[in-house]
């Protein structure tokens, strides 16, 4: 082999090796790019999942807070309703007691008045009979003692 042939051979061999190295490097870059793409995709999906979870958690907390406020409001309204009902019942009961007391007082007054009027009527009647007897006796029209009327 001549020197020129050797040079050409070595040049071809170097070119082949260079092409092989370039191909290996390109495959390495391709593989690295694929790995980077996969890692980026995984990171993006993870961020998306975390954001979705955070949004759902915030939604759940908001819903729980709203339900809690609704429950407290309902309890407060029920308590106010019960207190108002209790106050109305107490007022109704007190009014009934006052009515009974007034009725009792009126009846006692009426009975007292009737008793006084009855006694007074009896006294007036006795006095009138006594006066009539005195007038009859004065005019000699009265019955003598022991005589029947």
N, C-alpha and C. Protein backbone atom coordinates (compact mmCIF):
# COMPACT_ATOMS: atom_id res chain seq x y z
N UNK A 1 0.83 -1.14 0.00
CA UNK A 1 0.00 0.00 0.00
C UNK A 1 0.89 1.22 0.00
N UNK A 2 0.45 2.08 -0.76
CA UNK A 2 1.24 3.28 -0.90
C UNK A 2 0.83 4.25 0.17
N UNK A 3 1.64 5.16 0.28
CA UNK A 3 1.44 6.16 1.30
C UNK A 3 0.16 6.94 1.03
N UNK A 4 -0.10 7.15 -0.15
CA UNK A 4 -1.31 7.86 -0.50
C UNK A 4 -2.51 7.01 -0.18
N UNK A 5 -2.46 5.80 -0.44
CA UNK A 5 -3.55 4.90 -0.18
C UNK A 5 -3.74 4.79 1.33
N UNK A 6 -2.63 4.76 2.03
CA UNK A 6 -2.71 4.69 3.48
C UNK A 6 -3.35 5.94 4.04
N UNK A 7 -2.98 7.07 3.48
CA UNK A 7 -3.54 8.33 3.93
C UNK A 7 -5.03 8.33 3.63
N UNK A 8 -5.41 7.90 2.47
CA UNK A 8 -6.79 7.88 2.08
C UNK A 8 -7.54 6.91 2.98
N UNK A 9 -6.91 5.76 3.24
CA UNK A 9 -7.53 4.79 4.10
C UNK A 9 -7.73 5.35 5.50
N UNK A 10 -6.68 5.96 6.01
CA UNK A 10 -6.74 6.54 7.35
C UNK A 10 -7.76 7.67 7.38
N UNK A 11 -7.81 8.44 6.29
CA UNK A 11 -8.77 9.55 6.21
C UNK A 11 -10.17 8.98 6.20
N UNK A 12 -10.42 7.94 5.47
CA UNK A 12 -11.74 7.31 5.42
C UNK A 12 -12.08 6.70 6.77
N UNK A 13 -11.06 6.10 7.39
CA UNK A 13 -11.28 5.50 8.69
C UNK A 13 -11.62 6.60 9.70
N UNK A 14 -10.93 7.72 9.66
CA UNK A 14 -11.19 8.83 10.56
C UNK A 14 -12.58 9.40 10.31
N UNK A 15 -12.93 9.48 9.02
CA UNK A 15 -14.26 10.00 8.69
C UNK A 15 -15.33 9.06 9.24
N UNK A 16 -15.13 7.81 9.08
CA UNK A 16 -16.09 6.82 9.58
C UNK A 16 -16.21 6.90 11.09
N UNK A 17 -15.06 7.03 11.75
CA UNK A 17 -15.08 7.15 13.20
C UNK A 17 -15.78 8.44 13.63
N UNK A 18 -15.52 9.52 12.88
CA UNK A 18 -16.14 10.81 13.19
C UNK A 18 -17.64 10.72 13.00
N UNK A 19 -18.05 10.06 11.90
CA UNK A 19 -19.49 9.92 11.66
C UNK A 19 -20.13 9.09 12.77
N UNK A 20 -19.42 8.03 13.18
CA UNK A 20 -19.95 7.17 14.24
C UNK A 20 -20.06 7.95 15.54
N UNK A 21 -19.02 8.73 15.84
CA UNK A 21 -19.06 9.56 17.05
C UNK A 21 -20.18 10.58 16.97
N UNK A 22 -20.37 11.19 15.79
CA UNK A 22 -21.43 12.18 15.61
C UNK A 22 -22.79 11.50 15.78
N UNK A 23 -22.91 10.28 15.23
CA UNK A 23 -24.16 9.55 15.38
C UNK A 23 -24.39 9.21 16.85
N UNK A 24 -23.34 8.75 17.54
CA UNK A 24 -23.47 8.44 18.97
C UNK A 24 -23.84 9.69 19.77
N UNK A 25 -23.20 10.80 19.43
CA UNK A 25 -23.48 12.06 20.13
C UNK A 25 -24.91 12.49 19.86
N UNK A 26 -25.35 12.36 18.62
CA UNK A 26 -26.72 12.75 18.26
C UNK A 26 -27.72 11.87 19.02
N UNK A 27 -27.40 10.57 19.08
CA UNK A 27 -28.29 9.67 19.83
C UNK A 27 -28.29 10.04 21.31
N UNK A 28 -27.15 10.41 21.85
CA UNK A 28 -27.05 10.83 23.25
C UNK A 28 -27.87 12.09 23.49
N UNK A 29 -27.73 13.05 22.56
CA UNK A 29 -28.50 14.30 22.69
C UNK A 29 -29.99 13.98 22.57
N UNK A 30 -30.33 13.10 21.63
CA UNK A 30 -31.72 12.71 21.45
C UNK A 30 -32.26 12.06 22.73
N UNK A 31 -31.47 11.16 23.29
CA UNK A 31 -31.88 10.47 24.51
C UNK A 31 -32.01 11.45 25.67
N UNK A 32 -31.06 12.36 25.80
CA UNK A 32 -31.10 13.38 26.86
C UNK A 32 -32.31 14.27 26.66
N UNK A 33 -32.58 14.65 25.42
CA UNK A 33 -33.74 15.49 25.13
C UNK A 33 -35.03 14.75 25.49
N UNK A 34 -35.10 13.46 25.18
CA UNK A 34 -36.27 12.65 25.51
C UNK A 34 -36.45 12.56 27.02
N UNK A 35 -35.33 12.35 27.72
CA UNK A 35 -35.40 12.28 29.18
C UNK A 35 -35.85 13.62 29.77
N UNK A 36 -35.29 14.71 29.23
CA UNK A 36 -35.65 16.04 29.69
C UNK A 36 -37.13 16.30 29.42
N UNK A 37 -37.56 15.87 28.23
CA UNK A 37 -38.99 16.03 27.89
C UNK A 37 -39.86 15.25 28.86
N UNK A 38 -39.48 14.01 29.16
CA UNK A 38 -40.25 13.19 30.09
C UNK A 38 -40.27 13.82 31.49
N UNK A 39 -39.11 14.29 31.95
CA UNK A 39 -39.03 14.92 33.28
C UNK A 39 -39.89 16.19 33.33
N UNK A 40 -39.83 16.97 32.25
CA UNK A 40 -40.63 18.21 32.18
C UNK A 40 -42.10 17.87 32.18
N UNK A 41 -42.48 16.85 31.43
CA UNK A 41 -43.88 16.43 31.38
C UNK A 41 -44.35 15.94 32.76
N UNK A 42 -43.52 15.15 33.42
CA UNK A 42 -43.85 14.66 34.76
C UNK A 42 -43.99 15.81 35.75
N UNK A 43 -43.07 16.77 35.67
CA UNK A 43 -43.12 17.93 36.56
C UNK A 43 -44.39 18.74 36.30
N UNK A 44 -44.73 18.92 35.03
CA UNK A 44 -45.93 19.67 34.68
C UNK A 44 -47.18 18.94 35.20
N UNK A 45 -47.22 17.62 35.03
CA UNK A 45 -48.36 16.84 35.50
C UNK A 45 -48.45 16.89 37.02
N UNK A 46 -47.33 16.81 37.69
CA UNK A 46 -47.30 16.89 39.15
C UNK A 46 -47.81 18.25 39.62
N UNK A 47 -47.34 19.31 38.97
CA UNK A 47 -47.80 20.66 39.32
C UNK A 47 -49.30 20.78 39.08
N UNK A 48 -49.76 20.21 37.97
CA UNK A 48 -51.19 20.25 37.65
C UNK A 48 -51.99 19.50 38.73
N UNK A 49 -51.51 18.33 39.14
CA UNK A 49 -52.19 17.54 40.17
C UNK A 49 -52.22 18.28 41.51
N UNK A 50 -51.08 18.87 41.88
CA UNK A 50 -51.02 19.61 43.14
C UNK A 50 -51.96 20.82 43.11
N UNK A 51 -52.01 21.50 41.97
CA UNK A 51 -52.91 22.65 41.84
C UNK A 51 -54.36 22.20 41.94
N UNK A 52 -54.66 21.09 41.30
CA UNK A 52 -56.03 20.56 41.35
C UNK A 52 -56.39 20.14 42.77
N UNK A 53 -55.46 19.49 43.46
CA UNK A 53 -55.70 19.08 44.85
C UNK A 53 -55.90 20.30 45.75
N UNK A 54 -55.08 21.32 45.56
CA UNK A 54 -55.20 22.54 46.36
C UNK A 54 -56.54 23.22 46.11
N UNK A 55 -56.95 23.25 44.85
CA UNK A 55 -58.24 23.86 44.51
C UNK A 55 -59.39 23.06 45.14
N UNK A 56 -59.31 21.74 45.08
CA UNK A 56 -60.35 20.90 45.67
C UNK A 56 -60.38 21.07 47.19
N UNK A 57 -59.21 21.15 47.80
CA UNK A 57 -59.13 21.34 49.25
C UNK A 57 -59.74 22.69 49.64
N UNK A 58 -59.42 23.72 48.88
CA UNK A 58 -59.99 25.05 49.16
C UNK A 58 -61.51 25.02 48.98
N UNK A 59 -61.96 24.32 47.95
CA UNK A 59 -63.40 24.20 47.70
C UNK A 59 -64.07 23.47 48.87
N UNK A 60 -63.46 22.38 49.34
CA UNK A 60 -64.01 21.61 50.46
C UNK A 60 -64.07 22.46 51.73
N UNK A 61 -62.99 23.19 52.00
CA UNK A 61 -62.96 24.04 53.20
C UNK A 61 -64.01 25.13 53.11
N UNK A 62 -64.15 25.70 51.94
CA UNK A 62 -65.16 26.74 51.74
C UNK A 62 -66.56 26.17 51.95
N UNK A 63 -66.79 24.99 51.41
CA UNK A 63 -68.09 24.34 51.55
C UNK A 63 -68.37 24.01 53.02
N UNK A 64 -67.36 23.51 53.72
CA UNK A 64 -67.52 23.19 55.14
C UNK A 64 -67.81 24.45 55.95
N UNK A 65 -67.11 25.53 55.64
CA UNK A 65 -67.34 26.79 56.36
C UNK A 65 -68.74 27.30 56.10
N UNK A 66 -69.19 27.20 54.87
CA UNK A 66 -70.55 27.65 54.53
C UNK A 66 -71.59 26.80 55.25
N UNK A 67 -71.36 25.49 55.28
CA UNK A 67 -72.30 24.59 55.97
C UNK A 67 -72.31 24.87 57.47
N UNK A 68 -71.14 25.12 58.02
CA UNK A 68 -71.05 25.43 59.45
C UNK A 68 -71.80 26.73 59.76
N UNK A 69 -71.62 27.73 58.92
CA UNK A 69 -72.33 29.00 59.12
C UNK A 69 -73.83 28.79 58.99
N UNK A 70 -74.24 27.97 58.04
CA UNK A 70 -75.66 27.69 57.85
C UNK A 70 -76.22 26.97 59.08
N UNK A 71 -75.47 25.99 59.59
CA UNK A 71 -75.91 25.25 60.77
C UNK A 71 -76.04 26.17 61.98
N UNK A 72 -75.05 27.03 62.17
CA UNK A 72 -75.10 27.97 63.31
C UNK A 72 -76.28 28.92 63.17
N UNK A 73 -76.51 29.38 61.96
CA UNK A 73 -77.64 30.29 61.71
C UNK A 73 -78.96 29.58 62.00
N UNK A 74 -79.08 28.35 61.56
CA UNK A 74 -80.30 27.57 61.79
C UNK A 74 -80.50 27.35 63.29
N UNK A 75 -79.42 27.01 63.99
CA UNK A 75 -79.51 26.80 65.44
C UNK A 75 -79.93 28.09 66.15
N UNK A 76 -79.35 29.21 65.74
CA UNK A 76 -79.69 30.49 66.37
C UNK A 76 -81.15 30.83 66.11
N UNK A 77 -81.61 30.60 64.90
CA UNK A 77 -83.01 30.88 64.56
C UNK A 77 -83.94 29.98 65.37
N UNK A 78 -83.58 28.71 65.50
CA UNK A 78 -84.41 27.77 66.27
C UNK A 78 -84.43 28.18 67.74
N UNK A 79 -83.28 28.57 68.26
CA UNK A 79 -83.21 29.01 69.65
C UNK A 79 -84.07 30.25 69.88
N UNK A 80 -83.98 31.20 68.96
CA UNK A 80 -84.79 32.42 69.08
C UNK A 80 -86.28 32.08 69.00
N UNK A 81 -86.61 31.16 68.11
CA UNK A 81 -88.01 30.74 67.96
C UNK A 81 -88.51 30.10 69.26
N UNK A 82 -87.67 29.23 69.84
CA UNK A 82 -88.07 28.57 71.09
C UNK A 82 -88.21 29.57 72.23
N UNK A 83 -87.29 30.53 72.30
CA UNK A 83 -87.37 31.54 73.34
C UNK A 83 -88.63 32.39 73.17
N UNK A 84 -88.92 32.76 71.94
CA UNK A 84 -90.12 33.57 71.68
C UNK A 84 -91.37 32.77 72.04
N UNK A 85 -91.40 31.50 71.68
CA UNK A 85 -92.54 30.66 72.01
C UNK A 85 -92.68 30.54 73.53
N UNK A 86 -91.54 30.35 74.22
CA UNK A 86 -91.56 30.26 75.68
C UNK A 86 -92.06 31.54 76.31
N UNK A 87 -91.62 32.67 75.79
CA UNK A 87 -92.07 33.96 76.32
C UNK A 87 -93.56 34.14 76.06
N UNK A 88 -94.02 33.74 74.89
CA UNK A 88 -95.45 33.86 74.57
C UNK A 88 -96.27 32.97 75.50
N UNK A 89 -95.79 31.76 75.74
CA UNK A 89 -96.49 30.85 76.64
C UNK A 89 -96.51 31.41 78.06
N UNK A 90 -95.38 31.96 78.51
CA UNK A 90 -95.32 32.54 79.85
C UNK A 90 -96.27 33.72 79.97
N UNK A 91 -96.32 34.55 78.95
CA UNK A 91 -97.23 35.70 78.94
C UNK A 91 -98.68 35.23 78.97
N UNK A 92 -98.97 34.21 78.18
CA UNK A 92 -100.32 33.66 78.12
C UNK A 92 -100.72 33.10 79.49
N UNK A 93 -99.80 32.39 80.11
CA UNK A 93 -100.06 31.80 81.43
C UNK A 93 -100.26 32.89 82.48
N UNK A 94 -99.44 33.91 82.45
CA UNK A 94 -99.55 35.01 83.40
C UNK A 94 -100.88 35.75 83.21
N UNK A 95 -101.27 35.96 81.96
CA UNK A 95 -102.55 36.61 81.68
C UNK A 95 -103.70 35.78 82.22
N UNK A 96 -103.60 34.45 82.06
CA UNK A 96 -104.65 33.57 82.58
C UNK A 96 -104.71 33.64 84.10
N UNK A 97 -103.54 33.67 84.75
CA UNK A 97 -103.49 33.79 86.21
C UNK A 97 -104.11 35.11 86.65
N UNK A 98 -103.78 36.19 85.95
CA UNK A 98 -104.33 37.50 86.30
C UNK A 98 -105.84 37.52 86.11
N UNK A 99 -106.33 36.85 85.07
CA UNK A 99 -107.76 36.78 84.82
C UNK A 99 -108.44 36.05 85.97
N UNK A 100 -107.87 34.91 86.39
CA UNK A 100 -108.45 34.15 87.50
C UNK A 100 -108.44 34.98 88.79
N UNK A 101 -107.34 35.67 89.03
CA UNK A 101 -107.23 36.50 90.23
C UNK A 101 -108.27 37.60 90.21
N UNK A 102 -108.44 38.23 89.06
CA UNK A 102 -109.44 39.30 88.95
C UNK A 102 -110.85 38.74 89.15
N UNK A 103 -111.08 37.56 88.60
CA UNK A 103 -112.39 36.92 88.74
C UNK A 103 -112.65 36.60 90.21
N UNK A 104 -111.63 36.04 90.89
CA UNK A 104 -111.78 35.72 92.31
C UNK A 104 -112.04 36.97 93.12
N UNK A 105 -111.29 38.03 92.83
CA UNK A 105 -111.47 39.29 93.55
C UNK A 105 -112.87 39.85 93.31
N UNK A 106 -113.34 39.79 92.09
CA UNK A 106 -114.68 40.28 91.75
C UNK A 106 -115.74 39.47 92.48
N UNK A 107 -115.57 38.13 92.48
CA UNK A 107 -116.56 37.28 93.16
C UNK A 107 -116.56 37.56 94.66
N UNK A 108 -115.38 37.71 95.23
CA UNK A 108 -115.32 37.99 96.67
C UNK A 108 -115.98 39.32 96.96
N UNK A 109 -115.74 40.30 96.13
CA UNK A 109 -116.36 41.62 96.31
C UNK A 109 -117.87 41.52 96.16
N UNK A 110 -118.29 40.75 95.17
CA UNK A 110 -119.73 40.59 94.94
C UNK A 110 -120.38 39.89 96.12
N UNK A 111 -119.73 38.84 96.60
CA UNK A 111 -120.27 38.11 97.74
C UNK A 111 -120.31 39.01 98.97
N UNK A 112 -119.24 39.78 99.17
CA UNK A 112 -119.20 40.71 100.30
C UNK A 112 -120.29 41.75 100.18
N UNK A 113 -120.47 42.27 99.01
CA UNK A 113 -121.50 43.28 98.79
C UNK A 113 -122.88 42.68 98.99
N UNK A 114 -123.08 41.45 98.45
CA UNK A 114 -124.37 40.79 98.61
C UNK A 114 -124.65 40.54 100.09
N UNK A 115 -123.63 40.13 100.83
CA UNK A 115 -123.81 39.87 102.26
C UNK A 115 -124.18 41.13 103.01
N UNK A 116 -123.50 42.22 102.71
CA UNK A 116 -123.79 43.49 103.38
C UNK A 116 -125.19 43.95 103.02
N UNK A 117 -125.54 43.85 101.73
CA UNK A 117 -126.88 44.27 101.30
C UNK A 117 -127.95 43.39 101.93
N UNK A 118 -127.68 42.11 102.03
CA UNK A 118 -128.64 41.19 102.63
C UNK A 118 -128.86 41.53 104.10
N UNK A 119 -127.76 41.75 104.82
CA UNK A 119 -127.87 42.12 106.24
C UNK A 119 -128.61 43.43 106.39
N UNK A 120 -128.24 44.38 105.55
CA UNK A 120 -128.89 45.69 105.61
C UNK A 120 -130.37 45.56 105.32
N UNK A 121 -130.76 44.77 104.35
CA UNK A 121 -132.16 44.54 104.00
C UNK A 121 -132.91 43.93 105.16
N UNK A 122 -132.32 42.95 105.82
CA UNK A 122 -132.96 42.31 106.96
C UNK A 122 -133.16 43.32 108.10
N UNK A 123 -132.15 44.15 108.34
CA UNK A 123 -132.25 45.15 109.42
C UNK A 123 -133.35 46.15 109.09
N UNK A 124 -133.41 46.59 107.83
CA UNK A 124 -134.43 47.55 107.43
C UNK A 124 -135.82 46.91 107.60
N UNK A 125 -135.96 45.66 107.24
CA UNK A 125 -137.23 44.96 107.35
C UNK A 125 -137.65 44.85 108.82
N UNK A 126 -136.73 44.49 109.71
CA UNK A 126 -137.06 44.40 111.13
C UNK A 126 -137.46 45.77 111.69
N UNK A 127 -136.69 46.79 111.26
CA UNK A 127 -137.02 48.13 111.75
C UNK A 127 -138.41 48.55 111.26
N UNK A 128 -138.73 48.22 110.03
CA UNK A 128 -140.04 48.57 109.47
C UNK A 128 -141.15 47.82 110.21
N UNK A 129 -140.93 46.57 110.52
CA UNK A 129 -141.92 45.79 111.26
C UNK A 129 -142.10 46.37 112.66
N UNK A 130 -140.95 46.72 113.26
CA UNK A 130 -141.02 47.31 114.60
C UNK A 130 -141.79 48.62 114.59
N UNK A 131 -141.56 49.44 113.56
CA UNK A 131 -142.25 50.72 113.44
C UNK A 131 -143.73 50.47 113.19
N UNK A 132 -144.05 49.50 112.35
CA UNK A 132 -145.45 49.20 112.06
C UNK A 132 -146.15 48.72 113.32
N UNK A 133 -145.49 47.89 114.09
CA UNK A 133 -146.08 47.40 115.34
C UNK A 133 -146.30 48.56 116.31
N UNK A 134 -145.33 49.47 116.35
CA UNK A 134 -145.45 50.61 117.26
C UNK A 134 -146.63 51.48 116.85
N UNK A 135 -146.79 51.71 115.55
CA UNK A 135 -147.90 52.52 115.06
C UNK A 135 -149.22 51.81 115.37
N UNK A 136 -149.28 50.52 115.14
CA UNK A 136 -150.49 49.75 115.41
C UNK A 136 -150.82 49.81 116.91
N UNK A 137 -149.83 49.67 117.72
CA UNK A 137 -150.04 49.71 119.17
C UNK A 137 -150.50 51.10 119.59
N UNK A 138 -149.96 52.08 118.95
CA UNK A 138 -150.32 53.44 119.30
C UNK A 138 -151.79 53.66 118.99
N UNK A 139 -152.27 53.14 117.94
CA UNK A 139 -153.67 53.35 117.56
C UNK A 139 -154.56 52.22 118.07
N UNK A 140 -154.01 51.32 118.83
CA UNK A 140 -154.79 50.26 119.43
C UNK A 140 -155.13 49.17 118.45
N UNK A 141 -154.43 49.06 117.41
CA UNK A 141 -154.72 48.04 116.41
C UNK A 141 -153.79 46.84 116.56
N UNK A 142 -152.84 46.96 117.41
CA UNK A 142 -151.85 45.90 117.54
C UNK A 142 -152.40 44.74 118.31
N UNK A 143 -151.83 43.61 118.21
CA UNK A 143 -152.23 42.42 118.95
C UNK A 143 -151.69 42.54 120.35
N UNK A 144 -152.45 42.11 121.26
CA UNK A 144 -151.99 42.10 122.64
C UNK A 144 -151.05 40.92 122.77
N UNK A 145 -150.21 40.96 123.76
CA UNK A 145 -149.24 39.89 123.90
C UNK A 145 -149.99 38.62 124.23
N UNK A 146 -149.53 37.58 123.59
CA UNK A 146 -150.19 36.32 123.82
C UNK A 146 -151.26 36.06 122.82
N UNK A 147 -151.81 37.01 122.12
CA UNK A 147 -152.84 36.81 121.11
C UNK A 147 -152.18 36.38 119.81
N UNK A 148 -152.96 35.64 119.05
CA UNK A 148 -152.44 35.21 117.76
C UNK A 148 -152.72 36.22 116.72
N UNK A 149 -151.89 36.25 115.78
CA UNK A 149 -152.00 37.26 114.71
C UNK A 149 -152.97 36.83 113.69
